[in-house]
Amino acid sequence: MELKSKLVKFNDRATEILGEKTTLMFKLENGHIHPILCLMKVHALDFEMCLINEEVNELKTEFETIQMVSELNIDFSTEDF
Protein backbone atom coordinates (compact mmCIF):
# COMPACT_ATOMS: atom_id res chain seq x y z
CA MET A 1 0.00 0.00 0.00
CA GLU A 2 2.87 2.34 0.83
CA LEU A 3 4.47 1.66 -2.55
CA LYS A 4 1.24 2.51 -4.33
CA SER A 5 0.88 5.83 -2.53
CA LYS A 6 4.47 6.74 -3.39
CA LEU A 7 3.87 5.88 -7.04
CA VAL A 8 0.72 8.01 -7.08
CA LYS A 9 2.70 10.96 -5.68
CA PHE A 10 5.43 10.50 -8.30
CA ASN A 11 2.85 10.24 -11.06
CA ASP A 12 1.12 13.42 -9.86
CA ARG A 13 4.41 15.31 -9.79
CA ALA A 14 5.37 14.03 -13.25
CA THR A 15 2.03 15.31 -14.57
CA GLU A 16 2.67 18.69 -12.91
CA ILE A 17 6.12 18.87 -14.49
CA LEU A 18 4.65 18.19 -17.93
CA GLY A 19 2.16 21.00 -17.37
CA GLU A 20 4.91 23.37 -16.23
CA LYS A 21 6.98 22.60 -19.33
CA THR A 22 3.96 23.18 -21.57
CA THR A 23 3.34 26.52 -19.87
CA LEU A 24 6.99 27.50 -20.30
CA MET A 25 6.88 26.67 -24.03
CA PHE A 26 3.70 28.75 -24.41
CA LYS A 27 5.32 31.69 -22.63
CA LEU A 28 8.43 31.35 -24.79
CA GLU A 29 6.42 31.32 -28.02
CA ASN A 30 4.54 34.45 -26.97
CA GLY A 31 7.59 36.34 -25.73
CA HIS A 32 6.61 36.36 -22.05
CA ILE A 33 9.82 34.74 -20.85
CA HIS A 34 13.46 35.12 -21.77
CA PRO A 35 14.76 32.13 -23.76
CA ILE A 36 17.71 31.52 -21.43
CA LEU A 37 15.49 31.57 -18.35
CA CYS A 38 13.09 29.18 -20.08
CA LEU A 39 15.93 26.82 -20.95
CA MET A 40 17.22 26.88 -17.38
CA LYS A 41 13.78 26.07 -16.00
CA VAL A 42 13.28 23.26 -18.52
CA HIS A 43 16.64 21.76 -17.57
CA ALA A 44 15.72 21.96 -13.87
CA LEU A 45 12.41 20.19 -14.56
CA ASP A 46 14.19 17.54 -16.65
CA PHE A 47 16.63 16.95 -13.79
CA GLU A 48 13.73 16.55 -11.36
CA MET A 49 12.19 14.00 -13.74
CA CYS A 50 15.48 12.06 -13.75
CA LEU A 51 15.41 11.96 -9.96
CA ILE A 52 11.78 10.81 -9.98
CA ASN A 53 12.66 8.13 -12.52
CA GLU A 54 15.43 6.82 -10.25
CA GLU A 55 13.03 6.69 -7.30
CA VAL A 56 10.42 4.86 -9.37
CA ASN A 57 13.03 2.32 -10.49
CA GLU A 58 13.98 1.70 -6.85
CA LEU A 59 10.30 1.21 -5.95
CA LYS A 60 9.92 -1.18 -8.88
CA THR A 61 12.87 -3.24 -7.64
CA GLU A 62 11.45 -3.25 -4.12
CA PHE A 63 8.05 -4.35 -5.42
CA GLU A 64 9.58 -7.15 -7.50
CA THR A 65 11.53 -8.38 -4.46
CA ILE A 66 8.41 -8.38 -2.30
CA GLN A 67 6.47 -10.18 -5.01
CA MET A 68 9.19 -12.81 -5.44
CA VAL A 69 9.35 -13.48 -1.71
CA SER A 70 5.57 -13.80 -1.49
CA GLU A 71 5.46 -16.18 -4.47
CA LEU A 72 8.13 -18.41 -2.90
CA ASN A 73 6.18 -18.50 0.39
CA ILE A 74 9.30 -17.64 2.34
CA ASP A 75 8.56 -16.92 5.96
CA PHE A 76 10.99 -14.77 7.86
CA SER A 77 11.38 -15.63 11.48
CA THR A 78 12.27 -13.00 14.01
CA GLU A 79 15.28 -13.42 16.22
CA ASP A 80 15.35 -12.58 19.88
CA PHE A 81 18.32 -10.49 20.88
PDB file of N, CA and C in Angstrom:
ATOM      1  N   MET A   1       0.821  -1.193   0.000  1.00  0.00           N
ATOM      2  CA  MET A   1       0.000   0.000   0.000  1.00  0.00           C
ATOM      3  C   MET A   1       0.867   1.259   0.000  1.00  0.00           C
ATOM      4  N   GLU A   2       1.947   1.200   0.754  1.00  0.00           N
ATOM      5  CA  GLU A   2       2.865   2.338   0.826  1.00  0.00           C
ATOM      6  C   GLU A   2       3.514   2.593  -0.535  1.00  0.00           C
ATOM      7  N   LEU A   3       3.873   1.514  -1.231  1.00  0.00           N
ATOM      8  CA  LEU A   3       4.475   1.657  -2.554  1.00  0.00           C
ATOM      9  C   LEU A   3       3.502   2.329  -3.512  1.00  0.00           C
ATOM     10  N   LYS A   4       2.244   1.940  -3.429  1.00  0.00           N
ATOM     11  CA  LYS A   4       1.236   2.508  -4.326  1.00  0.00           C
ATOM     12  C   LYS A   4       1.067   4.002  -4.079  1.00  0.00           C
ATOM     13  N   SER A   5       1.048   4.412  -2.829  1.00  0.00           N
ATOM     14  CA  SER A   5       0.879   5.830  -2.526  1.00  0.00           C
ATOM     15  C   SER A   5       2.087   6.645  -3.006  1.00  0.00           C
ATOM     16  N   LYS A   6       3.277   6.059  -2.888  1.00  0.00           N
ATOM     17  CA  LYS A   6       4.472   6.742  -3.390  1.00  0.00           C
ATOM     18  C   LYS A   6       4.412   6.882  -4.917  1.00  0.00           C
ATOM     19  N   LEU A   7       3.982   5.823  -5.586  1.00  0.00           N
ATOM     20  CA  LEU A   7       3.867   5.885  -7.042  1.00  0.00           C
ATOM     21  C   LEU A   7       2.836   6.905  -7.485  1.00  0.00           C
ATOM     22  N   VAL A   8       1.743   7.013  -6.755  1.00  0.00           N
ATOM     23  CA  VAL A   8       0.719   8.010  -7.079  1.00  0.00           C
ATOM     24  C   VAL A   8       1.302   9.413  -6.938  1.00  0.00           C
ATOM     25  N   LYS A   9       2.070   9.643  -5.876  1.00  0.00           N
ATOM     26  CA  LYS A   9       2.697  10.959  -5.682  1.00  0.00           C
ATOM     27  C   LYS A   9       3.673  11.275  -6.810  1.00  0.00           C
ATOM     28  N   PHE A  10       4.486  10.284  -7.204  1.00  0.00           N
ATOM     29  CA  PHE A  10       5.429  10.499  -8.296  1.00  0.00           C
ATOM     30  C   PHE A  10       4.703  10.764  -9.607  1.00  0.00           C
ATOM     31  N   ASN A  11       3.627  10.040  -9.838  1.00  0.00           N
ATOM     32  CA  ASN A  11       2.846  10.244 -11.056  1.00  0.00           C
ATOM     33  C   ASN A  11       2.225  11.639 -11.082  1.00  0.00           C
ATOM     34  N   ASP A  12       1.701  12.080  -9.942  1.00  0.00           N
ATOM     35  CA  ASP A  12       1.121  13.417  -9.865  1.00  0.00           C
ATOM     36  C   ASP A  12       2.170  14.484 -10.144  1.00  0.00           C
ATOM     37  N   ARG A  13       3.351  14.321  -9.570  1.00  0.00           N
ATOM     38  CA  ARG A  13       4.414  15.309  -9.786  1.00  0.00           C
ATOM     39  C   ARG A  13       4.879  15.298 -11.237  1.00  0.00           C
ATOM     40  N   ALA A  14       4.970  14.115 -11.845  1.00  0.00           N
ATOM     41  CA  ALA A  14       5.369  14.034 -13.254  1.00  0.00           C
ATOM     42  C   ALA A  14       4.355  14.747 -14.139  1.00  0.00           C
ATOM     43  N   THR A  15       3.077  14.612 -13.815  1.00  0.00           N
ATOM     44  CA  THR A  15       2.033  15.311 -14.572  1.00  0.00           C
ATOM     45  C   THR A  15       2.164  16.821 -14.392  1.00  0.00           C
ATOM     46  N   GLU A  16       2.463  17.259 -13.176  1.00  0.00           N
ATOM     47  CA  GLU A  16       2.665  18.686 -12.911  1.00  0.00           C
ATOM     48  C   GLU A  16       3.854  19.224 -13.714  1.00  0.00           C
ATOM     49  N   ILE A  17       4.932  18.453 -13.758  1.00  0.00           N
ATOM     50  CA  ILE A  17       6.120  18.872 -14.492  1.00  0.00           C
ATOM     51  C   ILE A  17       5.807  19.025 -15.975  1.00  0.00           C
ATOM     52  N   LEU A  18       5.053  18.091 -16.529  1.00  0.00           N
ATOM     53  CA  LEU A  18       4.652  18.193 -17.930  1.00  0.00           C
ATOM     54  C   LEU A  18       3.846  19.460 -18.168  1.00  0.00           C
ATOM     55  N   GLY A  19       2.945  19.770 -17.258  1.00  0.00           N
ATOM     56  CA  GLY A  19       2.164  20.996 -17.369  1.00  0.00           C
ATOM     57  C   GLY A  19       3.031  22.244 -17.278  1.00  0.00           C
ATOM     58  N   GLU A  20       4.003  22.225 -16.374  1.00  0.00           N
ATOM     59  CA  GLU A  20       4.907  23.365 -16.231  1.00  0.00           C
ATOM     60  C   GLU A  20       5.731  23.573 -17.503  1.00  0.00           C
ATOM     61  N   LYS A  21       6.199  22.474 -18.099  1.00  0.00           N
ATOM     62  CA  LYS A  21       6.980  22.596 -19.328  1.00  0.00           C
ATOM     63  C   LYS A  21       6.119  23.116 -20.476  1.00  0.00           C
ATOM     64  N   THR A  22       4.877  22.682 -20.538  1.00  0.00           N
ATOM     65  CA  THR A  22       3.962  23.178 -21.572  1.00  0.00           C
ATOM     66  C   THR A  22       3.726  24.672 -21.396  1.00  0.00           C
ATOM     67  N   THR A  23       3.532  25.097 -20.159  1.00  0.00           N
ATOM     68  CA  THR A  23       3.342  26.523 -19.872  1.00  0.00           C
ATOM     69  C   THR A  23       4.569  27.327 -20.254  1.00  0.00           C
ATOM     70  N   LEU A  24       5.760  26.808 -19.941  1.00  0.00           N
ATOM     71  CA  LEU A  24       6.990  27.502 -20.303  1.00  0.00           C
ATOM     72  C   LEU A  24       7.119  27.649 -21.818  1.00  0.00           C
ATOM     73  N   MET A  25       6.795  26.604 -22.561  1.00  0.00           N
ATOM     74  CA  MET A  25       6.877  26.674 -24.026  1.00  0.00           C
ATOM     75  C   MET A  25       5.889  27.689 -24.574  1.00  0.00           C
ATOM     76  N   PHE A  26       4.690  27.756 -23.993  1.00  0.00           N
ATOM     77  CA  PHE A  26       3.699  28.746 -24.412  1.00  0.00           C
ATOM     78  C   PHE A  26       4.213  30.164 -24.153  1.00  0.00           C
ATOM     79  N   LYS A  27       4.777  30.373 -22.966  1.00  0.00           N
ATOM     80  CA  LYS A  27       5.317  31.690 -22.627  1.00  0.00           C
ATOM     81  C   LYS A  27       6.465  32.067 -23.551  1.00  0.00           C
ATOM     82  N   LEU A  28       7.301  31.097 -23.901  1.00  0.00           N
ATOM     83  CA  LEU A  28       8.427  31.353 -24.789  1.00  0.00           C
ATOM     84  C   LEU A  28       7.935  31.752 -26.183  1.00  0.00           C
ATOM     85  N   GLU A  29       6.962  31.026 -26.692  1.00  0.00           N
ATOM     86  CA  GLU A  29       6.425  31.321 -28.020  1.00  0.00           C
ATOM     87  C   GLU A  29       5.775  32.701 -28.084  1.00  0.00           C
ATOM     88  N   ASN A  30       5.225  33.152 -26.985  1.00  0.00           N
ATOM     89  CA  ASN A  30       4.539  34.447 -26.965  1.00  0.00           C
ATOM     90  C   ASN A  30       5.394  35.575 -26.406  1.00  0.00           C
ATOM     91  N   GLY A  31       6.659  35.303 -26.165  1.00  0.00           N
ATOM     92  CA  GLY A  31       7.588  36.342 -25.729  1.00  0.00           C
ATOM     93  C   GLY A  31       7.410  36.806 -24.301  1.00  0.00           C
ATOM     94  N   HIS A  32       6.837  35.977 -23.448  1.00  0.00           N
ATOM     95  CA  HIS A  32       6.611  36.361 -22.055  1.00  0.00           C
ATOM     96  C   HIS A  32       7.723  35.902 -21.119  1.00  0.00           C
ATOM     97  N   ILE A  33       8.711  35.214 -21.662  1.00  0.00           N
ATOM     98  CA  ILE A  33       9.819  34.736 -20.849  1.00  0.00           C
ATOM     99  C   ILE A  33      11.087  34.771 -21.703  1.00  0.00           C
ATOM    100  N   HIS A  34      12.182  35.087 -21.058  1.00  0.00           N
ATOM    101  CA  HIS A  34      13.463  35.120 -21.767  1.00  0.00           C
ATOM    102  C   HIS A  34      13.878  33.694 -22.126  1.00  0.00           C
ATOM    103  N   PRO A  35      14.397  33.487 -23.332  1.00  0.00           N
ATOM    104  CA  PRO A  35      14.762  32.126 -23.762  1.00  0.00           C
ATOM    105  C   PRO A  35      15.758  31.415 -22.843  1.00  0.00           C
ATOM    106  N   ILE A  36      16.725  32.150 -22.309  1.00  0.00           N
ATOM    107  CA  ILE A  36      17.712  31.518 -21.429  1.00  0.00           C
ATOM    108  C   ILE A  36      17.065  31.081 -20.116  1.00  0.00           C
ATOM    109  N   LEU A  37      16.192  31.929 -19.575  1.00  0.00           N
ATOM    110  CA  LEU A  37      15.488  31.568 -18.346  1.00  0.00           C
ATOM    111  C   LEU A  37      14.595  30.346 -18.585  1.00  0.00           C
ATOM    112  N   CYS A  38      13.938  30.326 -19.724  1.00  0.00           N
ATOM    113  CA  CYS A  38      13.091  29.184 -20.079  1.00  0.00           C
ATOM    114  C   CYS A  38      13.925  27.908 -20.158  1.00  0.00           C
ATOM    115  N   LEU A  39      15.060  27.992 -20.812  1.00  0.00           N
ATOM    116  CA  LEU A  39      15.932  26.824 -20.953  1.00  0.00           C
ATOM    117  C   LEU A  39      16.415  26.330 -19.598  1.00  0.00           C
ATOM    118  N   MET A  40      16.767  27.264 -18.716  1.00  0.00           N
ATOM    119  CA  MET A  40      17.224  26.881 -17.379  1.00  0.00           C
ATOM    120  C   MET A  40      16.116  26.169 -16.606  1.00  0.00           C
ATOM    121  N   LYS A  41      14.897  26.698 -16.702  1.00  0.00           N
ATOM    122  CA  LYS A  41      13.776  26.069 -15.999  1.00  0.00           C
ATOM    123  C   LYS A  41      13.465  24.689 -16.570  1.00  0.00           C
ATOM    124  N   VAL A  42      13.533  24.554 -17.893  1.00  0.00           N
ATOM    125  CA  VAL A  42      13.280  23.261 -18.519  1.00  0.00           C
ATOM    126  C   VAL A  42      14.327  22.246 -18.080  1.00  0.00           C
ATOM    127  N   HIS A  43      15.578  22.671 -18.020  1.00  0.00           N
ATOM    128  CA  HIS A  43      16.638  21.760 -17.567  1.00  0.00           C
ATOM    129  C   HIS A  43      16.426  21.351 -16.111  1.00  0.00           C
ATOM    130  N   ALA A  44      15.991  22.286 -15.273  1.00  0.00           N
ATOM    131  CA  ALA A  44      15.718  21.957 -13.867  1.00  0.00           C
ATOM    132  C   ALA A  44      14.576  20.948 -13.770  1.00  0.00           C
ATOM    133  N   LEU A  45      13.538  21.129 -14.572  1.00  0.00           N
ATOM    134  CA  LEU A  45      12.414  20.189 -14.563  1.00  0.00           C
ATOM    135  C   LEU A  45      12.835  18.820 -15.096  1.00  0.00           C
ATOM    136  N   ASP A  46      13.684  18.810 -16.121  1.00  0.00           N
ATOM    137  CA  ASP A  46      14.192  17.542 -16.652  1.00  0.00           C
ATOM    138  C   ASP A  46      15.029  16.806 -15.603  1.00  0.00           C
ATOM    139  N   PHE A  47      15.819  17.561 -14.850  1.00  0.00           N
ATOM    140  CA  PHE A  47      16.628  16.954 -13.793  1.00  0.00           C
ATOM    141  C   PHE A  47      15.730  16.355 -12.718  1.00  0.00           C
ATOM    142  N   GLU A  48      14.673  17.069 -12.354  1.00  0.00           N
ATOM    143  CA  GLU A  48      13.733  16.546 -11.364  1.00  0.00           C
ATOM    144  C   GLU A  48      13.078  15.260 -11.875  1.00  0.00           C
ATOM    145  N   MET A  49      12.768  15.213 -13.167  1.00  0.00           N
ATOM    146  CA  MET A  49      12.189  13.998 -13.741  1.00  0.00           C
ATOM    147  C   MET A  49      13.179  12.834 -13.677  1.00  0.00           C
ATOM    148  N   CYS A  50      14.457  13.112 -13.875  1.00  0.00           N
ATOM    149  CA  CYS A  50      15.476  12.056 -13.750  1.00  0.00           C
ATOM    150  C   CYS A  50      15.511  11.507 -12.332  1.00  0.00           C
ATOM    151  N   LEU A  51      15.416  12.392 -11.346  1.00  0.00           N
ATOM    152  CA  LEU A  51      15.409  11.958  -9.955  1.00  0.00           C
ATOM    153  C   LEU A  51      14.160  11.133  -9.647  1.00  0.00           C
ATOM    154  N   ILE A  52      13.027  11.563 -10.170  1.00  0.00           N
ATOM    155  CA  ILE A  52      11.782  10.813  -9.981  1.00  0.00           C
ATOM    156  C   ILE A  52      11.905   9.447 -10.629  1.00  0.00           C
ATOM    157  N   ASN A  53      12.487   9.400 -11.818  1.00  0.00           N
ATOM    158  CA  ASN A  53      12.658   8.127 -12.518  1.00  0.00           C
ATOM    159  C   ASN A  53      13.521   7.163 -11.702  1.00  0.00           C
ATOM    160  N   GLU A  54      14.580   7.668 -11.090  1.00  0.00           N
ATOM    161  CA  GLU A  54      15.431   6.822 -10.245  1.00  0.00           C
ATOM    162  C   GLU A  54      14.644   6.272  -9.059  1.00  0.00           C
ATOM    163  N   GLU A  55      13.837   7.124  -8.432  1.00  0.00           N
ATOM    164  CA  GLU A  55      13.031   6.686  -7.296  1.00  0.00           C
ATOM    165  C   GLU A  55      12.019   5.626  -7.721  1.00  0.00           C
ATOM    166  N   VAL A  56      11.400   5.826  -8.878  1.00  0.00           N
ATOM    167  CA  VAL A  56      10.423   4.858  -9.372  1.00  0.00           C
ATOM    168  C   VAL A  56      11.097   3.523  -9.671  1.00  0.00           C
ATOM    169  N   ASN A  57      12.289   3.562 -10.232  1.00  0.00           N
ATOM    170  CA  ASN A  57      13.025   2.322 -10.488  1.00  0.00           C
ATOM    171  C   ASN A  57      13.354   1.584  -9.194  1.00  0.00           C
ATOM    172  N   GLU A  58      13.709   2.327  -8.145  1.00  0.00           N
ATOM    173  CA  GLU A  58      13.976   1.702  -6.847  1.00  0.00           C
ATOM    174  C   GLU A  58      12.708   1.073  -6.280  1.00  0.00           C
ATOM    175  N   LEU A  59      11.574   1.766  -6.424  1.00  0.00           N
ATOM    176  CA  LEU A  59      10.305   1.213  -5.952  1.00  0.00           C
ATOM    177  C   LEU A  59       9.925  -0.032  -6.744  1.00  0.00           C
ATOM    178  N   LYS A  60      10.215  -0.013  -8.039  1.00  0.00           N
ATOM    179  CA  LYS A  60       9.924  -1.177  -8.880  1.00  0.00           C
ATOM    180  C   LYS A  60      10.738  -2.381  -8.419  1.00  0.00           C
ATOM    181  N   THR A  61      12.006  -2.157  -8.130  1.00  0.00           N
ATOM    182  CA  THR A  61      12.867  -3.236  -7.640  1.00  0.00           C
ATOM    183  C   THR A  61      12.367  -3.755  -6.301  1.00  0.00           C
ATOM    184  N   GLU A  62      11.973  -2.850  -5.427  1.00  0.00           N
ATOM    185  CA  GLU A  62      11.451  -3.247  -4.119  1.00  0.00           C
ATOM    186  C   GLU A  62      10.168  -4.067  -4.286  1.00  0.00           C
ATOM    187  N   PHE A  63       9.290  -3.630  -5.173  1.00  0.00           N
ATOM    188  CA  PHE A  63       8.049  -4.355  -5.417  1.00  0.00           C
ATOM    189  C   PHE A  63       8.325  -5.754  -5.967  1.00  0.00           C
ATOM    190  N   GLU A  64       9.249  -5.843  -6.920  1.00  0.00           N
ATOM    191  CA  GLU A  64       9.584  -7.146  -7.503  1.00  0.00           C
ATOM    192  C   GLU A  64      10.162  -8.094  -6.444  1.00  0.00           C
ATOM    193  N   THR A  65      10.958  -7.562  -5.531  1.00  0.00           N
ATOM    194  CA  THR A  65      11.526  -8.376  -4.458  1.00  0.00           C
ATOM    195  C   THR A  65      10.417  -8.879  -3.534  1.00  0.00           C
ATOM    196  N   ILE A  66       9.522  -7.998  -3.166  1.00  0.00           N
ATOM    197  CA  ILE A  66       8.408  -8.377  -2.296  1.00  0.00           C
ATOM    198  C   ILE A  66       7.541  -9.430  -2.985  1.00  0.00           C
ATOM    199  N   GLN A  67       7.285  -9.234  -4.268  1.00  0.00           N
ATOM    200  CA  GLN A  67       6.466 -10.183  -5.014  1.00  0.00           C
ATOM    201  C   GLN A  67       7.149 -11.551  -5.105  1.00  0.00           C
ATOM    202  N   MET A  68       8.451 -11.562  -5.343  1.00  0.00           N
ATOM    203  CA  MET A  68       9.193 -12.812  -5.442  1.00  0.00           C
ATOM    204  C   MET A  68       9.156 -13.560  -4.114  1.00  0.00           C
ATOM    205  N   VAL A  69       9.365 -12.852  -3.026  1.00  0.00           N
ATOM    206  CA  VAL A  69       9.352 -13.479  -1.706  1.00  0.00           C
ATOM    207  C   VAL A  69       7.961 -14.042  -1.409  1.00  0.00           C
ATOM    208  N   SER A  70       6.921 -13.311  -1.760  1.00  0.00           N
ATOM    209  CA  SER A  70       5.570 -13.804  -1.491  1.00  0.00           C
ATOM    210  C   SER A  70       5.231 -15.010  -2.359  1.00  0.00           C
ATOM    211  N   GLU A  71       5.723 -15.044  -3.590  1.00  0.00           N
ATOM    212  CA  GLU A  71       5.457 -16.179  -4.471  1.00  0.00           C
ATOM    213  C   GLU A  71       6.193 -17.438  -4.009  1.00  0.00           C
ATOM    214  N   LEU A  72       7.345 -17.267  -3.384  1.00  0.00           N
ATOM    215  CA  LEU A  72       8.126 -18.405  -2.903  1.00  0.00           C
ATOM    216  C   LEU A  72       7.668 -18.886  -1.534  1.00  0.00           C
ATOM    217  N   ASN A  73       6.704 -18.161  -0.942  1.00  0.00           N
ATOM    218  CA  ASN A  73       6.175 -18.496   0.385  1.00  0.00           C
ATOM    219  C   ASN A  73       7.287 -18.595   1.428  1.00  0.00           C
ATOM    220  N   ILE A  74       8.217 -17.685   1.357  1.00  0.00           N
ATOM    221  CA  ILE A  74       9.299 -17.636   2.342  1.00  0.00           C
ATOM    222  C   ILE A  74       8.782 -16.907   3.575  1.00  0.00           C
ATOM    223  N   ASP A  75       8.990 -17.527   4.714  1.00  0.00           N
ATOM    224  CA  ASP A  75       8.558 -16.924   5.965  1.00  0.00           C
ATOM    225  C   ASP A  75       9.795 -16.518   6.746  1.00  0.00           C
ATOM    226  N   PHE A  76       9.849 -15.272   7.104  1.00  0.00           N
ATOM    227  CA  PHE A  76      10.994 -14.774   7.858  1.00  0.00           C
ATOM    228  C   PHE A  76      10.699 -14.866   9.335  1.00  0.00           C
ATOM    229  N   SER A  77      11.564 -15.532  10.039  1.00  0.00           N
ATOM    230  CA  SER A  77      11.375 -15.634  11.478  1.00  0.00           C
ATOM    231  C   SER A  77      12.124 -14.493  12.155  1.00  0.00           C
ATOM    232  N   THR A  78      11.607 -14.079  13.263  1.00  0.00           N
ATOM    233  CA  THR A  78      12.266 -13.002  14.014  1.00  0.00           C
ATOM    234  C   THR A  78      13.205 -13.609  15.027  1.00  0.00           C
ATOM    235  N   GLU A  79      14.301 -12.954  15.252  1.00  0.00           N
ATOM    236  CA  GLU A  79      15.279 -13.423  16.219  1.00  0.00           C
ATOM    237  C   GLU A  79      15.165 -12.609  17.491  1.00  0.00           C
ATOM    238  N   ASP A  80      15.361 -13.260  18.598  1.00  0.00           N
ATOM    239  CA  ASP A  80      15.351 -12.579  19.882  1.00  0.00           C
ATOM    240  C   ASP A  80      16.780 -12.210  20.254  1.00  0.00           C
ATOM    241  N   PHE A  81      16.985 -10.961  20.509  1.00  0.00           N
ATOM    242  CA  PHE A  81      18.317 -10.492  20.881  1.00  0.00           C
ATOM    243  C   PHE A  81      18.347 -10.127  22.325  1.00  0.00           C
TER     244      PHE A  81
END
